[in-house]
């Protein structure tokens, strides 16, 4: 890898509307696009099907699914069936029980190793700091700190041959803005999944469902997952 930033990106692809929009952006830019889906022990596998469908839709040649047996040690209502998924907002400045401890730190660490191994200069993540649900690892300060970490945590970075960028193109967008952007890009919303509860249809009650519904409503777009 030459000094500077190599072309290409690895997209952290969860299967949700945000990561789907990030993938739609990435495939329009120069350089190879890889997708990385990480199963961290969430109580449902519905997101994985959406991630695979999106990767097929965008003809991503390299889509890797990684299983991490960390669910039992991460205290969250997304990994522990004994903890109910909240159907009411935790309120402003409160971090909800759906927060998974250090999840994006874990995800970005794996993506960084992937990027270095495949000579990709950018990690793309669908973090969003406007409509985010209070998660500390969706904030700009965290993402910039991880970029600094990447400089001293990798062989390529320490030897001065690479500078890794953590790209969060949706960071300052509202959910309505994301829907509008996705519409311009032609994102196949029917292939995406946002519901924390899993199931055959979105529950419509969890934080993620409500944020998605609000975004589509404010953008004046019909969500194909809601009938």
C-alpha atoms as a PDB file:
ATOM      1  CA  UNK A   1       0.000   0.000   0.000  1.00  0.00           C
ATOM      2  CA  UNK A   2       1.423   3.373  -0.956  1.00  0.00           C
ATOM      3  CA  UNK A   3       1.711   6.237   1.470  1.00  0.00           C
ATOM      4  CA  UNK A   4      -1.662   7.911   1.922  1.00  0.00           C
ATOM      5  CA  UNK A   5      -5.112   6.389   1.602  1.00  0.00           C
ATOM      6  CA  UNK A   6      -5.692   3.365  -0.608  1.00  0.00           C
ATOM      7  CA  UNK A   7      -8.803   3.290  -2.784  1.00  0.00           C
ATOM      8  CA  UNK A   8     -11.764   1.187  -1.833  1.00  0.00           C
ATOM      9  CA  UNK A   9     -13.864   0.672   1.259  1.00  0.00           C
ATOM     10  CA  UNK A  10     -15.293  -1.986   3.510  1.00  0.00           C
ATOM     11  CA  UNK A  11     -18.902  -1.196   4.416  1.00  0.00           C
ATOM     12  CA  UNK A  12     -20.239  -2.389   7.751  1.00  0.00           C
ATOM     13  CA  UNK A  13     -23.499  -3.805   6.439  1.00  0.00           C
ATOM     14  CA  UNK A  14     -26.099  -4.611   9.085  1.00  0.00           C
ATOM     15  CA  UNK A  15     -29.029  -4.832   6.698  1.00  0.00           C
ATOM     16  CA  UNK A  16     -30.697  -1.695   8.020  1.00  0.00           C
ATOM     17  CA  UNK A  17     -31.759   1.410   6.120  1.00  0.00           C
ATOM     18  CA  UNK A  18     -28.648   3.343   7.167  1.00  0.00           C
ATOM     19  CA  UNK A  19     -26.087   0.729   6.153  1.00  0.00           C
ATOM     20  CA  UNK A  20     -28.056   0.038   2.966  1.00  0.00           C
ATOM     21  CA  UNK A  21     -27.810   3.718   2.051  1.00  0.00           C
ATOM     22  CA  UNK A  22     -24.091   3.677   2.823  1.00  0.00           C
ATOM     23  CA  UNK A  23     -23.641   0.712   0.486  1.00  0.00           C
ATOM     24  CA  UNK A  24     -25.579   2.509  -2.248  1.00  0.00           C
ATOM     25  CA  UNK A  25     -23.212   5.466  -1.874  1.00  0.00           C
ATOM     26  CA  UNK A  26     -20.089   3.306  -1.815  1.00  0.00           C
ATOM     27  CA  UNK A  27     -20.799   1.438  -5.037  1.00  0.00           C
ATOM     28  CA  UNK A  28     -21.014   4.765  -6.887  1.00  0.00           C
ATOM     29  CA  UNK A  29     -17.503   5.757  -5.904  1.00  0.00           C
ATOM     30  CA  UNK A  30     -14.122   4.680  -7.306  1.00  0.00           C
ATOM     31  CA  UNK A  31     -12.360   1.647  -5.912  1.00  0.00           C
ATOM     32  CA  UNK A  32     -13.427  -1.792  -4.755  1.00  0.00           C
ATOM     33  CA  UNK A  33     -16.324  -2.185  -2.330  1.00  0.00           C
ATOM     34  CA  UNK A  34     -16.389  -4.975   0.237  1.00  0.00           C
ATOM     35  CA  UNK A  35     -19.180  -5.607   2.742  1.00  0.00           C
ATOM     36  CA  UNK A  36     -18.785  -6.951   6.269  1.00  0.00           C
ATOM     37  CA  UNK A  37     -21.726  -8.206   8.322  1.00  0.00           C
ATOM     38  CA  UNK A  38     -21.089  -9.030  11.967  1.00  0.00           C
ATOM     39  CA  UNK A  39     -23.437 -11.248  13.955  1.00  0.00           C
ATOM     40  CA  UNK A  40     -22.767 -10.442  17.581  1.00  0.00           C
ATOM     41  CA  UNK A  41     -25.372 -12.615  19.268  1.00  0.00           C
ATOM     42  CA  UNK A  42     -28.464 -10.531  18.635  1.00  0.00           C
ATOM     43  CA  UNK A  43     -31.618 -12.429  19.485  1.00  0.00           C
ATOM     44  CA  UNK A  44     -32.881 -12.542  15.892  1.00  0.00           C
ATOM     45  CA  UNK A  45     -31.238 -13.267  12.542  1.00  0.00           C
ATOM     46  CA  UNK A  46     -33.531 -11.167  10.363  1.00  0.00           C
ATOM     47  CA  UNK A  47     -30.868  -8.510   9.739  1.00  0.00           C
ATOM     48  CA  UNK A  48     -28.539 -11.089   8.218  1.00  0.00           C
ATOM     49  CA  UNK A  49     -31.050 -11.930   5.485  1.00  0.00           C
ATOM     50  CA  UNK A  50     -31.407  -8.254   4.643  1.00  0.00           C
ATOM     51  CA  UNK A  51     -27.645  -7.756   4.544  1.00  0.00           C
ATOM     52  CA  UNK A  52     -27.247 -10.663   2.141  1.00  0.00           C
ATOM     53  CA  UNK A  53     -30.105  -9.397  -0.031  1.00  0.00           C
ATOM     54  CA  UNK A  54     -28.554  -5.920  -0.211  1.00  0.00           C
ATOM     55  CA  UNK A  55     -25.129  -7.332  -1.056  1.00  0.00           C
ATOM     56  CA  UNK A  56     -26.673  -9.377  -3.889  1.00  0.00           C
ATOM     57  CA  UNK A  57     -28.680  -6.401  -5.123  1.00  0.00           C
ATOM     58  CA  UNK A  58     -25.551  -4.249  -5.382  1.00  0.00           C
ATOM     59  CA  UNK A  59     -23.473  -7.140  -6.716  1.00  0.00           C
ATOM     60  CA  UNK A  60     -20.903  -6.883  -3.962  1.00  0.00           C
ATOM     61  CA  UNK A  61     -18.302  -9.479  -4.841  1.00  0.00           C
ATOM     62  CA  UNK A  62     -16.833  -9.777  -1.357  1.00  0.00           C
ATOM     63  CA  UNK A  63     -19.486  -9.988   1.353  1.00  0.00           C
ATOM     64  CA  UNK A  64     -18.180 -11.558   4.546  1.00  0.00           C
ATOM     65  CA  UNK A  65     -20.413 -12.625   7.435  1.00  0.00           C
ATOM     66  CA  UNK A  66     -18.605 -12.960  10.766  1.00  0.00           C
ATOM     67  CA  UNK A  67     -20.119 -14.711  13.775  1.00  0.00           C
ATOM     68  CA  UNK A  68     -18.916 -13.491  17.170  1.00  0.00           C
ATOM     69  CA  UNK A  69     -19.957 -15.547  20.224  1.00  0.00           C
ATOM     70  CA  UNK A  70     -20.020 -12.449  22.411  1.00  0.00           C
ATOM     71  CA  UNK A  71     -23.762 -12.056  22.930  1.00  0.00           C
ATOM     72  CA  UNK A  72     -23.835 -13.738  26.378  1.00  0.00           C
ATOM     73  CA  UNK A  73     -21.243 -11.325  27.786  1.00  0.00           C
ATOM     74  CA  UNK A  74     -22.728  -8.118  26.366  1.00  0.00           C
ATOM     75  CA  UNK A  75     -25.498  -6.780  28.572  1.00  0.00           C
ATOM     76  CA  UNK A  76     -28.206  -5.520  26.232  1.00  0.00           C
ATOM     77  CA  UNK A  77     -31.845  -6.140  25.445  1.00  0.00           C
ATOM     78  CA  UNK A  78     -30.684  -6.937  21.903  1.00  0.00           C
ATOM     79  CA  UNK A  79     -28.628  -9.912  23.098  1.00  0.00           C
ATOM     80  CA  UNK A  80     -30.570 -11.172  26.126  1.00  0.00           C
ATOM     81  CA  UNK A  81     -34.051 -12.587  25.636  1.00  0.00           C
ATOM     82  CA  UNK A  82     -34.752 -12.067  29.340  1.00  0.00           C
ATOM     83  CA  UNK A  83     -34.557  -8.311  28.787  1.00  0.00           C
ATOM     84  CA  UNK A  84     -37.609  -6.947  26.956  1.00  0.00           C
ATOM     85  CA  UNK A  85     -37.122  -4.695  23.960  1.00  0.00           C
ATOM     86  CA  UNK A  86     -38.312  -1.256  25.120  1.00  0.00           C
ATOM     87  CA  UNK A  87     -41.384   0.145  23.428  1.00  0.00           C
ATOM     88  CA  UNK A  88     -41.069   3.599  24.972  1.00  0.00           C
ATOM     89  CA  UNK A  89     -38.243   6.058  24.441  1.00  0.00           C
ATOM     90  CA  UNK A  90     -35.676   6.289  27.230  1.00  0.00           C
ATOM     91  CA  UNK A  91     -35.982  10.059  26.921  1.00  0.00           C
ATOM     92  CA  UNK A  92     -33.437  12.720  26.067  1.00  0.00           C
ATOM     93  CA  UNK A  93     -29.872  12.197  27.249  1.00  0.00           C
ATOM     94  CA  UNK A  94     -30.658   8.633  28.362  1.00  0.00           C
ATOM     95  CA  UNK A  95     -28.918   5.637  26.811  1.00  0.00           C
ATOM     96  CA  UNK A  96     -31.540   2.914  26.225  1.00  0.00           C
ATOM     97  CA  UNK A  97     -31.258  -0.780  27.075  1.00  0.00           C
ATOM     98  CA  UNK A  98     -30.759  -1.546  23.376  1.00  0.00           C
ATOM     99  CA  UNK A  99     -27.240  -0.135  23.686  1.00  0.00           C
ATOM    100  CA  UNK A 100     -24.771  -2.991  23.142  1.00  0.00           C
ATOM    101  CA  UNK A 101     -21.577  -2.308  25.127  1.00  0.00           C
ATOM    102  CA  UNK A 102     -18.690  -1.286  22.858  1.00  0.00           C
ATOM    103  CA  UNK A 103     -20.429  -2.726  19.781  1.00  0.00           C
ATOM    104  CA  UNK A 104     -19.104  -0.216  17.275  1.00  0.00           C
ATOM    105  CA  UNK A 105     -15.643  -0.427  18.834  1.00  0.00           C
ATOM    106  CA  UNK A 106     -15.720  -4.189  18.219  1.00  0.00           C
ATOM    107  CA  UNK A 107     -17.137  -3.770  14.726  1.00  0.00           C
ATOM    108  CA  UNK A 108     -14.628  -1.121  13.693  1.00  0.00           C
ATOM    109  CA  UNK A 109     -11.725  -3.149  15.076  1.00  0.00           C
ATOM    110  CA  UNK A 110     -12.707  -6.105  12.899  1.00  0.00           C
ATOM    111  CA  UNK A 111     -13.300  -3.818   9.923  1.00  0.00           C
ATOM    112  CA  UNK A 112      -9.881  -2.234  10.452  1.00  0.00           C
ATOM    113  CA  UNK A 113      -8.191  -5.628  10.373  1.00  0.00           C
ATOM    114  CA  UNK A 114     -10.186  -6.459   7.252  1.00  0.00           C
ATOM    115  CA  UNK A 115      -9.230  -3.170   5.600  1.00  0.00           C
ATOM    116  CA  UNK A 116      -5.545  -3.656   6.307  1.00  0.00           C
ATOM    117  CA  UNK A 117      -5.641  -7.260   5.089  1.00  0.00           C
ATOM    118  CA  UNK A 118      -7.429  -6.333   1.852  1.00  0.00           C
ATOM    119  CA  UNK A 119      -5.609  -3.030   1.276  1.00  0.00           C
ATOM    120  CA  UNK A 120      -8.664  -0.831   1.599  1.00  0.00           C
ATOM    121  CA  UNK A 121      -8.251   2.716   2.833  1.00  0.00           C
ATOM    122  CA  UNK A 122     -11.719   3.433   4.206  1.00  0.00           C
ATOM    123  CA  UNK A 123     -14.211   1.890   6.594  1.00  0.00           C
ATOM    124  CA  UNK A 124     -17.790   3.021   5.950  1.00  0.00           C
ATOM    125  CA  UNK A 125     -20.281   2.880   8.798  1.00  0.00           C
ATOM    126  CA  UNK A 126     -23.902   4.021   8.986  1.00  0.00           C
ATOM    127  CA  UNK A 127     -23.515   5.832  12.308  1.00  0.00           C
ATOM    128  CA  UNK A 128     -25.982   8.663  12.757  1.00  0.00           C
ATOM    129  CA  UNK A 129     -25.662  11.356  15.419  1.00  0.00           C
ATOM    130  CA  UNK A 130     -28.952  13.189  14.828  1.00  0.00           C
ATOM    131  CA  UNK A 131     -31.616  10.509  15.186  1.00  0.00           C
ATOM    132  CA  UNK A 132     -29.348   8.142  17.106  1.00  0.00           C
ATOM    133  CA  UNK A 133     -30.854   6.621  20.254  1.00  0.00           C
ATOM    134  CA  UNK A 134     -28.293   7.943  22.686  1.00  0.00           C
ATOM    135  CA  UNK A 135     -25.516   5.542  21.748  1.00  0.00           C
ATOM    136  CA  UNK A 136     -22.065   6.941  22.621  1.00  0.00           C
ATOM    137  CA  UNK A 137     -20.401   5.003  19.793  1.00  0.00           C
ATOM    138  CA  UNK A 138     -22.382   6.841  17.116  1.00  0.00           C
ATOM    139  CA  UNK A 139     -20.875  10.213  17.928  1.00  0.00           C
ATOM    140  CA  UNK A 140     -18.306  12.152  15.892  1.00  0.00           C
ATOM    141  CA  UNK A 141     -15.780  12.216  18.747  1.00  0.00           C
ATOM    142  CA  UNK A 142     -15.762   8.428  18.915  1.00  0.00           C
ATOM    143  CA  UNK A 143     -15.243   8.008  15.170  1.00  0.00           C
ATOM    144  CA  UNK A 144     -12.396  10.520  15.057  1.00  0.00           C
ATOM    145  CA  UNK A 145     -10.778   8.834  18.051  1.00  0.00           C
ATOM    146  CA  UNK A 146     -10.911   5.505  16.250  1.00  0.00           C
ATOM    147  CA  UNK A 147      -9.155   7.020  13.244  1.00  0.00           C
ATOM    148  CA  UNK A 148      -6.356   8.130  15.554  1.00  0.00           C
ATOM    149  CA  UNK A 149      -6.227   4.641  17.006  1.00  0.00           C
ATOM    150  CA  UNK A 150      -5.928   3.128  13.539  1.00  0.00           C
ATOM    151  CA  UNK A 151      -2.719   5.080  12.946  1.00  0.00           C
ATOM    152  CA  UNK A 152      -0.958   3.388  15.859  1.00  0.00           C
ATOM    153  CA  UNK A 153      -2.768   0.035  15.888  1.00  0.00           C
ATOM    154  CA  UNK A 154      -1.822  -1.224  12.421  1.00  0.00           C
ATOM    155  CA  UNK A 155       1.419  -2.183  10.720  1.00  0.00           C
ATOM    156  CA  UNK A 156       0.588  -0.036   7.698  1.00  0.00           C
ATOM    157  CA  UNK A 157      -0.237   2.923   9.913  1.00  0.00           C
ATOM    158  CA  UNK A 158       2.851   2.694  12.119  1.00  0.00           C
ATOM    159  CA  UNK A 159       5.126   2.292   9.095  1.00  0.00           C
ATOM    160  CA  UNK A 160       3.534   5.336   7.480  1.00  0.00           C
ATOM    161  CA  UNK A 161       2.237   3.522   4.420  1.00  0.00           C
ATOM    162  CA  UNK A 162      -1.478   3.983   5.077  1.00  0.00           C
ATOM    163  CA  UNK A 163      -3.953   6.361   6.631  1.00  0.00           C
ATOM    164  CA  UNK A 164      -7.279   4.759   7.423  1.00  0.00           C
ATOM    165  CA  UNK A 165     -10.439   6.808   7.309  1.00  0.00           C
ATOM    166  CA  UNK A 166     -13.660   6.017   9.153  1.00  0.00           C
ATOM    167  CA  UNK A 167     -16.359   7.386   6.880  1.00  0.00           C
ATOM    168  CA  UNK A 168     -19.829   8.028   8.294  1.00  0.00           C
ATOM    169  CA  UNK A 169     -21.680   9.763   5.443  1.00  0.00           C
ATOM    170  CA  UNK A 170     -25.000   9.823   7.312  1.00  0.00           C
ATOM    171  CA  UNK A 171     -23.610  11.197  10.554  1.00  0.00           C
ATOM    172  CA  UNK A 172     -25.305  14.593  10.435  1.00  0.00           C
ATOM    173  CA  UNK A 173     -28.465  13.583   8.558  1.00  0.00           C
ATOM    174  CA  UNK A 174     -31.914  13.149  10.047  1.00  0.00           C
ATOM    175  CA  UNK A 175     -33.802   9.958   9.283  1.00  0.00           C
ATOM    176  CA  UNK A 176     -35.923  11.937   6.815  1.00  0.00           C
ATOM    177  CA  UNK A 177     -32.747  13.168   5.110  1.00  0.00           C
ATOM    178  CA  UNK A 178     -31.525   9.570   4.875  1.00  0.00           C
ATOM    179  CA  UNK A 179     -34.791   8.497   3.252  1.00  0.00           C
ATOM    180  CA  UNK A 180     -34.548  11.351   0.749  1.00  0.00           C
ATOM    181  CA  UNK A 181     -30.950  10.438  -0.048  1.00  0.00           C
ATOM    182  CA  UNK A 182     -31.862   6.786  -0.388  1.00  0.00           C
ATOM    183  CA  UNK A 183     -34.654   7.687  -2.754  1.00  0.00           C
ATOM    184  CA  UNK A 184     -32.211   9.567  -4.978  1.00  0.00           C
ATOM    185  CA  UNK A 185     -29.858   6.590  -4.908  1.00  0.00           C
ATOM    186  CA  UNK A 186     -32.615   4.058  -5.526  1.00  0.00           C
ATOM    187  CA  UNK A 187     -32.110   2.129  -2.289  1.00  0.00           C
ATOM    188  CA  UNK A 188     -34.425  -0.921  -2.271  1.00  0.00           C
ATOM    189  CA  UNK A 189     -36.096  -0.203   1.071  1.00  0.00           C
ATOM    190  CA  UNK A 190     -38.052  -3.461   0.896  1.00  0.00           C
ATOM    191  CA  UNK A 191     -34.779  -5.347   1.338  1.00  0.00           C
ATOM    192  CA  UNK A 192     -33.773  -3.434   4.479  1.00  0.00           C
ATOM    193  CA  UNK A 193     -34.710  -4.234   8.069  1.00  0.00           C
ATOM    194  CA  UNK A 194     -34.747  -1.928  11.086  1.00  0.00           C
ATOM    195  CA  UNK A 195     -36.897  -3.617  13.755  1.00  0.00           C
ATOM    196  CA  UNK A 196     -35.121  -4.660  16.951  1.00  0.00           C
ATOM    197  CA  UNK A 197     -37.655  -7.409  17.602  1.00  0.00           C
ATOM    198  CA  UNK A 198     -37.174  -9.399  14.419  1.00  0.00           C
ATOM    199  CA  UNK A 199     -40.185 -11.433  13.356  1.00  0.00           C
ATOM    200  CA  UNK A 200     -41.951 -11.656  10.028  1.00  0.00           C
ATOM    201  CA  UNK A 201     -43.112  -8.047  10.088  1.00  0.00           C
ATOM    202  CA  UNK A 202     -41.699  -4.985  11.889  1.00  0.00           C
ATOM    203  CA  UNK A 203     -43.164  -4.607  15.370  1.00  0.00           C
ATOM    204  CA  UNK A 204     -43.795  -0.878  14.859  1.00  0.00           C
ATOM    205  CA  UNK A 205     -43.203  -0.186  18.558  1.00  0.00           C
ATOM    206  CA  UNK A 206     -39.469  -0.318  19.229  1.00  0.00           C
ATOM    207  CA  UNK A 207     -37.232   2.762  18.980  1.00  0.00           C
ATOM    208  CA  UNK A 208     -35.809   1.681  15.659  1.00  0.00           C
ATOM    209  CA  UNK A 209     -39.246   1.139  14.112  1.00  0.00           C
ATOM    210  CA  UNK A 210     -40.461   4.509  15.370  1.00  0.00           C
ATOM    211  CA  UNK A 211     -37.406   6.362  14.069  1.00  0.00           C
ATOM    212  CA  UNK A 212     -37.784   4.657  10.702  1.00  0.00           C
ATOM    213  CA  UNK A 213     -41.508   5.461  10.525  1.00  0.00           C
ATOM    214  CA  UNK A 214     -40.859   9.097  11.433  1.00  0.00           C
ATOM    215  CA  UNK A 215     -38.193   9.377   8.752  1.00  0.00           C
ATOM    216  CA  UNK A 216     -40.380   7.979   5.997  1.00  0.00           C
ATOM    217  CA  UNK A 217     -43.359  10.098   7.098  1.00  0.00           C
ATOM    218  CA  UNK A 218     -41.372  13.340   7.172  1.00  0.00           C
ATOM    219  CA  UNK A 219     -39.822  12.548   3.801  1.00  0.00           C
ATOM    220  CA  UNK A 220     -43.271  11.869   2.342  1.00  0.00           C
ATOM    221  CA  UNK A 221     -42.255   8.387   1.197  1.00  0.00           C
ATOM    222  CA  UNK A 222     -44.154   5.150   1.747  1.00  0.00           C
ATOM    223  CA  UNK A 223     -42.236   2.454   3.587  1.00  0.00           C
ATOM    224  CA  UNK A 224     -42.728  -0.808   1.651  1.00  0.00           C
ATOM    225  CA  UNK A 225     -42.345  -2.836   4.869  1.00  0.00           C
ATOM    226  CA  UNK A 226     -45.440  -1.225   6.400  1.00  0.00           C
ATOM    227  CA  UNK A 227     -48.850  -2.201   5.087  1.00  0.00           C
END
